[in-house]
Amino acid sequence: MSDTQSNRSNDFAQTFNTAHGEAGLTRVSIAHILQRIQADPNFLFAEEFRQGAGQCPFHMGAAEGTAEAALPIPQDDADKVAVNSLLALLFNRLRDHIAEKSPFDDEGRPLLPIPPRSPHGLDPADRAAMAAAPVDAFCSVLRDATCHLLDGLITGWAIDLVHEEEHFRSQGEGAISLDAAATFVLRTVLEHSPLYQRAGYDMLSITKTGSHTAIHICWALVEAAPILVPGRDAAFYDDLVRRSLKQIVPLSMSSLGMLVHYMEESGIEPADGLAVHRLPKDQTAFILDGNGLIRLNAAPIVTFAKPGERYYTGCPAFYTTNLIKLYLDIVAGLALEYSVYDRLQEG
């Protein structure tokens, strides 16, 4: 299962980026859009923001006579740039909300909700029942409960933002906070975007879906560690997983289509598309590099683009400092709390 070749840690990222280009996709970084919004919050309300936010790739080839100049900017792509920029801005608040509001019991142990639709009927707080459960059920309940924990925290974040927007609206003075303005503009873009209306997405559903994917990949990374390096203790695996996060981050920089196809091809994504299944032992996504870190395998990359798609930004969480790390911290902490590494090596 291991790969001892001296591959550079960014080999996957380079190959993945090249595959996007072969699909006709160009990555638009939204980092400097966020900087511009911070410098001039009124930019949120400018028409330029709604049409790609003045991104250079959207103006490439604009010189007279070039083939690119004849192609209109796909409105779906412009909407993605606007929506993901707004989400990345608001995710700073989400990161802080999750860190401050995550529940713990009197002994400092994390409190996980009972997954409401889980077929296993297990309460994560019942440690004896969890320890006695078959390992696949045990892993499923932990994954499911983690997603529902995040769902509740995300709902609280969204409610706070809506209340803040309503507070400033009720003042009738024209003043508004940056987060409230971003919430208003995001809702407006989503309501008028054919792309997001076709999918039935709003701020809450987009964020919850993205968090489920992030939690799924974090749990997969945890579950991959004993597969790749069997027979070690929890401290070793915890250190390995945390040090390997930077190798996994390139997944968050991809287009949604390329991400989904990679997850399906490599075995991360189960056939039913639910994030509650343990990583299969025959997965091909995670391998070891020459330094003993877990990294992504480029072999399962599938070149893909939706019809008419030309630009992508990557996940908004990628642009929010330490948000992806926070998701891994939650999962890795639960893995230690529930002795996941020992359970994964049973039998």
Foldseek 3Di string as FASTA:
>chain_A
DADQAQDDLCPLLVLLQVLQVVLQADAFACLVVLVVCVVPVCLLVDVCLLQQVPTPVQCPQCPPPGPSVVDHDPSLQSLQSNLLNLVLVLVLLLLVLCVVPQDADPVRHGAFQFQPPQPPPDHVVPLVVLVPDQLFSSQLRVLSRLLVSSLVSLVVSLVVLVVQLVVVVVVVPPDHDSSNSSLVSNQVSLVPDPVNVVVVDHPSVVVSVVLSVLLLVLQQLLLVQCLAPNDDALVVSLVQSLVQVVQVLSLQFHAPVQSVQLCVQQQSADPVRGSRGHRDSSGQQWHAYSVRHIHGDNVSGDRDDDVPHNYHHGHSVSSHPCSSVVSNVVVSSVCVVSVSSVSSPDD
